[in-house]
């Protein structure tokens, strides 16, 4: 057995964190389909990095011109990845003159976080 897994199983607190249910109720078909679309969008390393750059930028938004400089990819390729992030609901874009400024949608990130955060176990560890 892997040492990391053994260490997790040896500690009651860690076991609660490892084994706690992720959601109070199972996802409906529609919820699962919506979340799968979002997870698929962030499953690509370029899109995950784009999302990270947008979220960490001063002021919470970034110009597409600043994003293209961070990658060794063509403008159309970056635009495609941004479109996937937009269509999944992770970001929004606002045109200002010739540039588009992107911002993360916190409500979508909160939905992802809610699914990935274990529910605290209210029972005392044995």
N, C-alpha and C. Protein backbone atom coordinates (compact mmCIF):
# COMPACT_ATOMS: atom_id res chain seq x y z
N UNK A 1 0.85 -1.18 0.00
CA UNK A 1 0.00 0.00 0.00
C UNK A 1 0.89 1.23 0.00
N UNK A 2 0.53 2.25 -0.73
CA UNK A 2 1.27 3.50 -0.82
C UNK A 2 1.38 4.15 0.56
N UNK A 3 2.55 4.69 0.88
CA UNK A 3 2.78 5.32 2.19
C UNK A 3 1.82 6.48 2.43
N UNK A 4 1.56 7.27 1.40
CA UNK A 4 0.64 8.40 1.54
C UNK A 4 -0.76 7.93 1.90
N UNK A 5 -1.20 6.87 1.27
CA UNK A 5 -2.53 6.34 1.55
C UNK A 5 -2.58 5.80 2.98
N UNK A 6 -1.53 5.07 3.40
CA UNK A 6 -1.49 4.55 4.76
C UNK A 6 -1.54 5.67 5.78
N UNK A 7 -0.78 6.73 5.55
CA UNK A 7 -0.77 7.85 6.48
C UNK A 7 -2.15 8.47 6.57
N UNK A 8 -2.83 8.56 5.45
CA UNK A 8 -4.18 9.12 5.43
C UNK A 8 -5.13 8.23 6.22
N UNK A 9 -5.02 6.94 6.05
CA UNK A 9 -5.92 6.02 6.74
C UNK A 9 -5.62 5.90 8.22
N UNK A 10 -4.36 6.16 8.63
CA UNK A 10 -3.99 6.05 10.03
C UNK A 10 -4.54 7.18 10.89
N UNK A 11 -4.81 8.30 10.33
CA UNK A 11 -5.28 9.45 11.09
C UNK A 11 -6.79 9.59 10.96
N UNK A 12 -7.48 9.65 12.10
CA UNK A 12 -8.95 9.77 12.07
C UNK A 12 -9.37 11.07 11.41
N UNK A 13 -8.64 12.14 11.69
CA UNK A 13 -8.98 13.44 11.09
C UNK A 13 -8.76 13.38 9.60
N UNK A 14 -7.62 12.86 9.19
CA UNK A 14 -7.34 12.76 7.76
C UNK A 14 -8.33 11.84 7.08
N UNK A 15 -8.73 10.77 7.78
CA UNK A 15 -9.69 9.85 7.18
C UNK A 15 -11.01 10.57 6.94
N UNK A 16 -11.42 11.42 7.88
CA UNK A 16 -12.66 12.17 7.67
C UNK A 16 -12.53 13.05 6.44
N UNK A 17 -11.37 13.72 6.29
CA UNK A 17 -11.18 14.59 5.14
C UNK A 17 -11.11 13.79 3.85
N UNK A 18 -10.45 12.63 3.89
CA UNK A 18 -10.32 11.80 2.69
C UNK A 18 -11.65 11.17 2.29
N UNK A 19 -12.43 10.82 3.26
CA UNK A 19 -13.59 9.98 2.99
C UNK A 19 -14.92 10.67 3.16
N UNK A 20 -14.93 11.96 3.46
CA UNK A 20 -16.19 12.68 3.61
C UNK A 20 -16.87 12.80 2.26
N UNK A 21 -18.20 12.77 2.25
CA UNK A 21 -18.90 12.94 0.97
C UNK A 21 -18.66 14.34 0.43
N UNK A 22 -18.65 14.46 -0.88
CA UNK A 22 -18.41 15.76 -1.50
C UNK A 22 -19.67 16.62 -1.56
N UNK A 23 -20.81 16.02 -1.67
CA UNK A 23 -22.06 16.78 -1.74
C UNK A 23 -23.08 16.15 -0.82
N UNK A 24 -24.01 16.96 -0.37
CA UNK A 24 -25.06 16.45 0.52
C UNK A 24 -26.03 15.56 -0.24
N UNK A 25 -26.31 15.89 -1.47
CA UNK A 25 -27.24 15.13 -2.30
C UNK A 25 -26.55 14.82 -3.62
N UNK A 26 -26.88 13.69 -4.22
CA UNK A 26 -26.30 13.38 -5.53
C UNK A 26 -26.72 14.44 -6.56
N UNK A 27 -25.87 14.66 -7.53
CA UNK A 27 -26.17 15.61 -8.59
C UNK A 27 -27.25 15.06 -9.50
N UNK A 28 -28.11 15.95 -9.98
CA UNK A 28 -29.09 15.54 -10.98
C UNK A 28 -28.38 15.38 -12.32
N UNK A 29 -29.07 14.81 -13.29
CA UNK A 29 -28.48 14.66 -14.63
C UNK A 29 -28.08 16.02 -15.18
N UNK A 30 -28.94 17.01 -15.03
CA UNK A 30 -28.66 18.35 -15.54
C UNK A 30 -27.48 19.01 -14.85
N UNK A 31 -27.43 18.89 -13.52
CA UNK A 31 -26.32 19.46 -12.76
C UNK A 31 -25.00 18.79 -13.16
N UNK A 32 -25.03 17.48 -13.31
CA UNK A 32 -23.82 16.75 -13.70
C UNK A 32 -23.36 17.18 -15.09
N UNK A 33 -24.30 17.35 -16.01
CA UNK A 33 -23.94 17.77 -17.37
C UNK A 33 -23.35 19.18 -17.37
N UNK A 34 -23.95 20.08 -16.59
CA UNK A 34 -23.43 21.46 -16.51
C UNK A 34 -22.03 21.49 -15.91
N UNK A 35 -21.84 20.76 -14.82
CA UNK A 35 -20.53 20.75 -14.17
C UNK A 35 -19.49 20.04 -15.03
N UNK A 36 -19.89 19.01 -15.75
CA UNK A 36 -18.95 18.30 -16.63
C UNK A 36 -18.42 19.25 -17.71
N UNK A 37 -19.27 20.12 -18.21
CA UNK A 37 -18.85 21.10 -19.21
C UNK A 37 -17.79 22.04 -18.63
N UNK A 38 -17.99 22.45 -17.39
CA UNK A 38 -17.03 23.34 -16.73
C UNK A 38 -15.72 22.60 -16.46
N UNK A 39 -15.81 21.38 -15.94
CA UNK A 39 -14.60 20.60 -15.68
C UNK A 39 -13.84 20.31 -16.98
N UNK A 40 -14.56 20.05 -18.06
CA UNK A 40 -13.92 19.80 -19.34
C UNK A 40 -13.16 21.05 -19.80
N UNK A 41 -13.74 22.22 -19.55
CA UNK A 41 -13.09 23.47 -19.94
C UNK A 41 -11.77 23.67 -19.20
N UNK A 42 -11.73 23.33 -17.92
CA UNK A 42 -10.49 23.54 -17.16
C UNK A 42 -9.54 22.35 -17.25
N UNK A 43 -9.95 21.28 -17.91
CA UNK A 43 -9.09 20.11 -18.04
C UNK A 43 -7.94 20.33 -19.02
N UNK A 44 -8.03 21.36 -19.83
CA UNK A 44 -6.97 21.68 -20.77
C UNK A 44 -5.94 22.58 -20.08
N UNK A 45 -4.65 22.26 -20.15
CA UNK A 45 -3.63 23.06 -19.46
C UNK A 45 -3.59 24.53 -19.88
N UNK A 46 -3.80 24.80 -21.16
CA UNK A 46 -3.79 26.19 -21.63
C UNK A 46 -4.96 26.95 -21.02
N UNK A 47 -6.14 26.35 -21.02
CA UNK A 47 -7.32 27.03 -20.46
C UNK A 47 -7.19 27.20 -18.95
N UNK A 48 -6.63 26.21 -18.29
CA UNK A 48 -6.43 26.32 -16.84
C UNK A 48 -5.46 27.46 -16.54
N UNK A 49 -4.42 27.57 -17.33
CA UNK A 49 -3.46 28.66 -17.14
C UNK A 49 -4.09 30.01 -17.48
N UNK A 50 -4.89 30.07 -18.54
CA UNK A 50 -5.60 31.31 -18.87
C UNK A 50 -6.50 31.74 -17.71
N UNK A 51 -7.25 30.80 -17.17
CA UNK A 51 -8.13 31.10 -16.05
C UNK A 51 -7.33 31.61 -14.86
N UNK A 52 -6.21 30.99 -14.60
CA UNK A 52 -5.34 31.41 -13.50
C UNK A 52 -4.80 32.82 -13.72
N UNK A 53 -4.38 33.11 -14.95
CA UNK A 53 -3.87 34.45 -15.27
C UNK A 53 -4.95 35.51 -15.10
N UNK A 54 -6.15 35.21 -15.54
CA UNK A 54 -7.25 36.17 -15.42
C UNK A 54 -7.59 36.39 -13.95
N UNK A 55 -7.72 35.30 -13.20
CA UNK A 55 -8.11 35.40 -11.79
C UNK A 55 -7.06 36.12 -10.95
N UNK A 56 -5.79 35.98 -11.29
CA UNK A 56 -4.73 36.56 -10.47
C UNK A 56 -4.30 37.96 -10.92
N UNK A 57 -4.87 38.46 -11.98
CA UNK A 57 -4.47 39.76 -12.51
C UNK A 57 -4.98 40.89 -11.62
N UNK A 58 -4.17 41.93 -11.47
CA UNK A 58 -4.58 43.11 -10.69
C UNK A 58 -5.90 43.65 -11.21
N UNK A 59 -6.81 43.95 -10.30
CA UNK A 59 -8.11 44.49 -10.69
C UNK A 59 -9.12 43.43 -11.08
N UNK A 60 -8.69 42.18 -11.16
CA UNK A 60 -9.62 41.10 -11.45
C UNK A 60 -10.01 40.95 -12.90
N UNK A 61 -9.40 41.73 -13.78
CA UNK A 61 -9.68 41.59 -15.20
C UNK A 61 -8.40 41.82 -15.98
N UNK A 62 -8.39 41.30 -17.20
CA UNK A 62 -7.19 41.41 -18.02
C UNK A 62 -7.59 41.55 -19.49
N UNK A 63 -6.79 42.32 -20.20
CA UNK A 63 -7.00 42.53 -21.63
C UNK A 63 -6.48 41.31 -22.39
N UNK A 64 -7.19 40.96 -23.44
CA UNK A 64 -6.76 39.83 -24.27
C UNK A 64 -5.35 40.06 -24.81
N UNK A 65 -4.99 41.31 -25.02
CA UNK A 65 -3.65 41.62 -25.52
C UNK A 65 -2.57 41.18 -24.53
N UNK A 66 -2.86 41.24 -23.23
CA UNK A 66 -1.90 40.78 -22.22
C UNK A 66 -1.85 39.26 -22.13
N UNK A 67 -2.96 38.62 -22.44
CA UNK A 67 -3.00 37.15 -22.36
C UNK A 67 -2.20 36.51 -23.49
N UNK A 68 -2.30 37.07 -24.69
CA UNK A 68 -1.61 36.45 -25.83
C UNK A 68 -0.10 36.50 -25.66
N UNK A 69 0.40 37.52 -24.96
CA UNK A 69 1.85 37.64 -24.76
C UNK A 69 2.40 36.55 -23.84
N UNK A 70 1.55 35.97 -23.00
CA UNK A 70 1.99 34.98 -22.01
C UNK A 70 2.13 33.57 -22.60
N UNK A 71 1.74 33.38 -23.85
CA UNK A 71 1.75 32.05 -24.45
C UNK A 71 2.51 32.06 -25.77
N UNK A 72 3.04 30.92 -26.12
CA UNK A 72 3.67 30.75 -27.42
C UNK A 72 2.65 30.13 -28.37
N UNK A 73 1.49 30.81 -28.46
CA UNK A 73 0.38 30.34 -29.30
C UNK A 73 -0.11 31.51 -30.15
N UNK A 74 -0.80 31.19 -31.23
CA UNK A 74 -1.34 32.25 -32.08
C UNK A 74 -2.54 32.91 -31.42
N UNK A 75 -2.86 34.11 -31.85
CA UNK A 75 -4.03 34.82 -31.35
C UNK A 75 -5.32 34.03 -31.53
N UNK A 76 -5.55 33.45 -32.72
CA UNK A 76 -6.77 32.66 -32.91
C UNK A 76 -6.87 31.46 -31.96
N UNK A 77 -5.73 30.84 -31.64
CA UNK A 77 -5.75 29.71 -30.70
C UNK A 77 -6.14 30.18 -29.31
N UNK A 78 -5.57 31.30 -28.87
CA UNK A 78 -5.94 31.86 -27.56
C UNK A 78 -7.41 32.23 -27.56
N UNK A 79 -7.88 32.84 -28.65
CA UNK A 79 -9.30 33.21 -28.75
C UNK A 79 -10.20 31.99 -28.64
N UNK A 80 -9.80 30.88 -29.26
CA UNK A 80 -10.59 29.65 -29.16
C UNK A 80 -10.68 29.18 -27.70
N UNK A 81 -9.55 29.17 -27.01
CA UNK A 81 -9.55 28.74 -25.61
C UNK A 81 -10.40 29.68 -24.74
N UNK A 82 -10.32 30.97 -25.00
CA UNK A 82 -11.14 31.93 -24.25
C UNK A 82 -12.63 31.71 -24.53
N UNK A 83 -12.95 31.37 -25.77
CA UNK A 83 -14.34 31.08 -26.13
C UNK A 83 -14.87 29.88 -25.34
N UNK A 84 -14.06 28.84 -25.22
CA UNK A 84 -14.47 27.66 -24.45
C UNK A 84 -14.70 28.04 -22.99
N UNK A 85 -13.81 28.84 -22.43
CA UNK A 85 -13.98 29.29 -21.03
C UNK A 85 -15.23 30.15 -20.88
N UNK A 86 -15.49 31.00 -21.86
CA UNK A 86 -16.70 31.85 -21.83
C UNK A 86 -17.96 31.00 -21.91
N UNK A 87 -17.98 30.07 -22.85
CA UNK A 87 -19.17 29.23 -23.05
C UNK A 87 -19.44 28.30 -21.87
N UNK A 88 -18.41 27.98 -21.11
CA UNK A 88 -18.60 27.14 -19.93
C UNK A 88 -19.06 27.97 -18.73
N UNK A 89 -19.04 29.29 -18.88
CA UNK A 89 -19.49 30.16 -17.79
C UNK A 89 -18.41 30.54 -16.80
N UNK A 90 -17.15 30.20 -17.09
CA UNK A 90 -16.07 30.52 -16.16
C UNK A 90 -15.60 31.96 -16.24
N UNK A 91 -15.71 32.57 -17.42
CA UNK A 91 -15.28 33.96 -17.58
C UNK A 91 -16.32 34.74 -18.38
N UNK A 92 -16.23 36.05 -18.29
CA UNK A 92 -17.02 36.93 -19.13
C UNK A 92 -16.05 37.86 -19.86
N UNK A 93 -16.49 38.37 -20.99
CA UNK A 93 -15.67 39.30 -21.75
C UNK A 93 -16.45 40.57 -22.04
N UNK A 94 -15.75 41.69 -21.98
CA UNK A 94 -16.37 42.99 -22.27
C UNK A 94 -15.49 43.73 -23.27
N UNK A 95 -16.10 44.11 -24.40
CA UNK A 95 -15.34 44.83 -25.43
C UNK A 95 -15.23 46.30 -25.05
N UNK A 96 -14.00 46.80 -25.11
CA UNK A 96 -13.72 48.22 -24.89
C UNK A 96 -12.84 48.68 -26.03
N UNK A 97 -13.44 49.37 -26.96
CA UNK A 97 -12.71 49.78 -28.15
C UNK A 97 -12.35 48.55 -28.97
N UNK A 98 -11.06 48.39 -29.25
CA UNK A 98 -10.65 47.24 -30.07
C UNK A 98 -10.28 46.02 -29.24
N UNK A 99 -10.23 46.16 -27.91
CA UNK A 99 -9.80 45.06 -27.05
C UNK A 99 -10.96 44.48 -26.25
N UNK A 100 -10.80 43.22 -25.87
CA UNK A 100 -11.77 42.57 -24.99
C UNK A 100 -11.08 42.32 -23.65
N UNK A 101 -11.77 42.69 -22.58
CA UNK A 101 -11.27 42.48 -21.22
C UNK A 101 -12.04 41.33 -20.60
N UNK A 102 -11.30 40.40 -20.02
CA UNK A 102 -11.89 39.19 -19.44
C UNK A 102 -11.84 39.25 -17.92
N UNK A 103 -12.87 38.68 -17.32
CA UNK A 103 -13.02 38.63 -15.87
C UNK A 103 -13.57 37.26 -15.49
N UNK A 104 -13.10 36.72 -14.38
CA UNK A 104 -13.59 35.43 -13.87
C UNK A 104 -14.98 35.61 -13.28
N UNK A 105 -15.85 34.62 -13.48
CA UNK A 105 -17.18 34.63 -12.86
C UNK A 105 -17.10 33.86 -11.55
N UNK A 106 -17.09 34.57 -10.42
CA UNK A 106 -16.90 33.91 -9.12
C UNK A 106 -17.99 32.89 -8.79
N UNK A 107 -19.21 33.11 -9.29
CA UNK A 107 -20.29 32.18 -8.97
C UNK A 107 -20.05 30.80 -9.58
N UNK A 108 -19.42 30.76 -10.75
CA UNK A 108 -19.11 29.47 -11.36
C UNK A 108 -17.98 28.77 -10.61
N UNK A 109 -16.98 29.54 -10.20
CA UNK A 109 -15.91 28.95 -9.40
C UNK A 109 -16.44 28.46 -8.06
N UNK A 110 -17.41 29.16 -7.50
CA UNK A 110 -18.02 28.74 -6.24
C UNK A 110 -18.75 27.41 -6.41
N UNK A 111 -19.41 27.21 -7.56
CA UNK A 111 -20.09 25.93 -7.83
C UNK A 111 -19.09 24.78 -7.88
N UNK A 112 -17.96 25.02 -8.55
CA UNK A 112 -16.92 23.99 -8.61
C UNK A 112 -16.38 23.70 -7.21
N UNK A 113 -16.14 24.75 -6.47
CA UNK A 113 -15.62 24.60 -5.12
C UNK A 113 -16.58 23.82 -4.23
N UNK A 114 -17.87 24.09 -4.37
CA UNK A 114 -18.87 23.41 -3.55
C UNK A 114 -18.88 21.91 -3.81
N UNK A 115 -18.63 21.51 -5.04
CA UNK A 115 -18.61 20.09 -5.38
C UNK A 115 -17.32 19.43 -4.88
N UNK A 116 -16.23 20.18 -4.88
CA UNK A 116 -14.93 19.61 -4.51
C UNK A 116 -14.61 19.68 -3.03
N UNK A 117 -15.35 20.49 -2.27
CA UNK A 117 -15.08 20.65 -0.85
C UNK A 117 -15.84 19.60 -0.05
N UNK A 118 -15.13 18.80 0.73
CA UNK A 118 -15.82 17.78 1.52
C UNK A 118 -16.75 18.41 2.55
N UNK A 119 -17.83 17.73 2.82
CA UNK A 119 -18.76 18.16 3.86
C UNK A 119 -18.18 17.72 5.19
N UNK A 120 -18.07 18.64 6.16
CA UNK A 120 -17.52 18.24 7.46
C UNK A 120 -18.40 17.18 8.11
N UNK A 121 -17.76 16.18 8.66
CA UNK A 121 -18.48 15.12 9.36
C UNK A 121 -18.82 15.63 10.75
N UNK A 122 -20.09 15.58 11.12
CA UNK A 122 -20.52 16.10 12.42
C UNK A 122 -20.32 15.08 13.53
N UNK A 123 -19.99 13.84 13.17
CA UNK A 123 -19.76 12.81 14.18
C UNK A 123 -18.35 12.93 14.73
N UNK A 124 -18.20 12.61 16.01
CA UNK A 124 -16.89 12.60 16.64
C UNK A 124 -16.08 11.42 16.10
N UNK A 125 -14.77 11.61 15.89
CA UNK A 125 -13.95 10.49 15.43
C UNK A 125 -13.88 9.40 16.50
N UNK A 126 -13.84 8.14 16.06
CA UNK A 126 -13.76 7.05 17.03
C UNK A 126 -12.34 6.72 17.37
